[in-house]
Amino acid sequence: MISLFHGDPTSSTPRLVHYAFNCRSMDELDTWKAHLERKGVAIRGPTAHPGFGAVSIYFEDPWGYRLEITNWLPDFDTVRKL
């Protein structure tokens, strides 16, 4: 799943302008995080989203576009237990 957020990537907050990719599990999210870190990419997160069951990592592509990889969990209580 890919979510696209509309706006100007050079003048908006990361929440409003970025591309988001879904992954299937926390293990897959950890695999992506480790892969990106091995490539020297600065990562923010993992971050739990208050109010709903999602955990994300954030980073930028070489052109400065903000990217997100998210794992959707059943609910926020599940996220809090991680």
C-alpha atoms as a PDB file:
ATOM      1  CA  MET A   1       0.000   0.000   0.000  1.00  0.00           C
ATOM      2  CA  ILE A   2       1.288   3.488  -0.830  1.00  0.00           C
ATOM      3  CA  SER A   3      -0.219   6.681   0.633  1.00  0.00           C
ATOM      4  CA  LEU A   4       0.538   9.962  -1.135  1.00  0.00           C
ATOM      5  CA  PHE A   5       0.275  13.296   0.688  1.00  0.00           C
ATOM      6  CA  HIS A   6      -0.127  16.451  -1.411  1.00  0.00           C
ATOM      7  CA  GLY A   7       1.884  19.648  -0.877  1.00  0.00           C
ATOM      8  CA  ASP A   8       5.233  21.370  -1.269  1.00  0.00           C
ATOM      9  CA  PRO A   9       7.962  19.163   0.280  1.00  0.00           C
ATOM     10  CA  THR A  10      10.271  22.136   0.822  1.00  0.00           C
ATOM     11  CA  SER A  11       7.929  24.258   2.938  1.00  0.00           C
ATOM     12  CA  SER A  12       5.453  22.016   4.748  1.00  0.00           C
ATOM     13  CA  THR A  13       5.590  19.922   7.884  1.00  0.00           C
ATOM     14  CA  PRO A  14       6.590  16.250   7.519  1.00  0.00           C
ATOM     15  CA  ARG A  15       3.117  15.158   8.541  1.00  0.00           C
ATOM     16  CA  LEU A  16       1.447  16.858   5.591  1.00  0.00           C
ATOM     17  CA  VAL A  17       3.852  16.175   2.736  1.00  0.00           C
ATOM     18  CA  HIS A  18       5.363  12.734   2.375  1.00  0.00           C
ATOM     19  CA  TYR A  19       5.040   9.327   0.811  1.00  0.00           C
ATOM     20  CA  ALA A  20       4.030   6.452   3.101  1.00  0.00           C
ATOM     21  CA  PHE A  21       4.614   2.753   2.448  1.00  0.00           C
ATOM     22  CA  ASN A  22       2.919  -0.042   4.368  1.00  0.00           C
ATOM     23  CA  CYS A  23       4.726  -3.140   5.624  1.00  0.00           C
ATOM     24  CA  ARG A  24       3.206  -6.383   6.929  1.00  0.00           C
ATOM     25  CA  SER A  25       4.765  -6.787  10.394  1.00  0.00           C
ATOM     26  CA  MET A  26       7.011  -5.287  13.047  1.00  0.00           C
ATOM     27  CA  ASP A  27       9.728  -7.724  11.941  1.00  0.00           C
ATOM     28  CA  GLU A  28       9.509  -6.330   8.410  1.00  0.00           C
ATOM     29  CA  LEU A  29       9.631  -2.765   9.769  1.00  0.00           C
ATOM     30  CA  ASP A  30      12.770  -3.695  11.744  1.00  0.00           C
ATOM     31  CA  THR A  31      14.272  -5.232   8.584  1.00  0.00           C
ATOM     32  CA  TRP A  32      13.644  -2.027   6.591  1.00  0.00           C
ATOM     33  CA  LYS A  33      15.108   0.093   9.412  1.00  0.00           C
ATOM     34  CA  ALA A  34      18.264  -2.039   9.586  1.00  0.00           C
ATOM     35  CA  HIS A  35      18.626  -2.017   5.782  1.00  0.00           C
ATOM     36  CA  LEU A  36      18.328   1.773   5.563  1.00  0.00           C
ATOM     37  CA  GLU A  37      20.752   2.302   8.456  1.00  0.00           C
ATOM     38  CA  ARG A  38      23.312   0.006   6.771  1.00  0.00           C
ATOM     39  CA  LYS A  39      23.003   2.271   3.715  1.00  0.00           C
ATOM     40  CA  GLY A  40      23.752   5.323   5.890  1.00  0.00           C
ATOM     41  CA  VAL A  41      20.216   6.716   5.847  1.00  0.00           C
ATOM     42  CA  ALA A  42      19.241   8.737   8.930  1.00  0.00           C
ATOM     43  CA  ILE A  43      16.086   7.252  10.489  1.00  0.00           C
ATOM     44  CA  ARG A  44      13.584   8.818  12.871  1.00  0.00           C
ATOM     45  CA  GLY A  45      11.615   6.283  14.874  1.00  0.00           C
ATOM     46  CA  PRO A  46      10.122   3.814  15.279  1.00  0.00           C
ATOM     47  CA  THR A  47       7.279   6.110  16.339  1.00  0.00           C
ATOM     48  CA  ALA A  48       3.909   4.950  17.700  1.00  0.00           C
ATOM     49  CA  HIS A  49       0.974   7.054  16.530  1.00  0.00           C
ATOM     50  CA  PRO A  50      -1.310   8.024  19.455  1.00  0.00           C
ATOM     51  CA  GLY A  51      -4.960   7.165  18.990  1.00  0.00           C
ATOM     52  CA  PHE A  52      -4.606   4.371  16.454  1.00  0.00           C
ATOM     53  CA  GLY A  53      -2.554   1.241  15.896  1.00  0.00           C
ATOM     54  CA  ALA A  54       0.391   2.212  13.727  1.00  0.00           C
ATOM     55  CA  VAL A  55       4.161   2.300  14.150  1.00  0.00           C
ATOM     56  CA  SER A  56       6.336   4.154  11.627  1.00  0.00           C
ATOM     57  CA  ILE A  57       9.898   4.997  10.709  1.00  0.00           C
ATOM     58  CA  TYR A  58      10.673   8.198   8.799  1.00  0.00           C
ATOM     59  CA  PHE A  59      13.557   9.174   6.527  1.00  0.00           C
ATOM     60  CA  GLU A  60      14.348  11.298   3.465  1.00  0.00           C
ATOM     61  CA  ASP A  61      15.265  10.300  -0.065  1.00  0.00           C
ATOM     62  CA  PRO A  62      18.367  11.830  -1.722  1.00  0.00           C
ATOM     63  CA  TRP A  63      16.259  14.770  -3.022  1.00  0.00           C
ATOM     64  CA  GLY A  64      14.848  15.632   0.408  1.00  0.00           C
ATOM     65  CA  TYR A  65      11.399  14.077   0.026  1.00  0.00           C
ATOM     66  CA  ARG A  66      10.079  12.711   3.292  1.00  0.00           C
ATOM     67  CA  LEU A  67       9.262   8.990   3.347  1.00  0.00           C
ATOM     68  CA  GLU A  68       7.517   6.774   5.878  1.00  0.00           C
ATOM     69  CA  ILE A  69       7.229   3.021   6.336  1.00  0.00           C
ATOM     70  CA  THR A  70       4.313   2.008   8.569  1.00  0.00           C
ATOM     71  CA  ASN A  71       3.084  -1.173  10.157  1.00  0.00           C
ATOM     72  CA  TRP A  72      -0.618  -1.123  11.028  1.00  0.00           C
ATOM     73  CA  LEU A  73      -1.478  -3.052  14.179  1.00  0.00           C
ATOM     74  CA  PRO A  74      -4.945  -4.008  15.496  1.00  0.00           C
ATOM     75  CA  ASP A  75      -5.202  -1.020  17.879  1.00  0.00           C
ATOM     76  CA  PHE A  76      -3.204   1.484  19.921  1.00  0.00           C
ATOM     77  CA  ASP A  77      -3.111  -0.777  23.005  1.00  0.00           C
ATOM     78  CA  THR A  78      -1.129  -3.269  20.912  1.00  0.00           C
ATOM     79  CA  VAL A  79       1.286  -0.472  19.921  1.00  0.00           C
ATOM     80  CA  ARG A  80       1.816   0.578  23.540  1.00  0.00           C
ATOM     81  CA  LYS A  81       2.915  -2.967  24.471  1.00  0.00           C
ATOM     82  CA  LEU A  82       5.837  -2.911  22.015  1.00  0.00           C
END
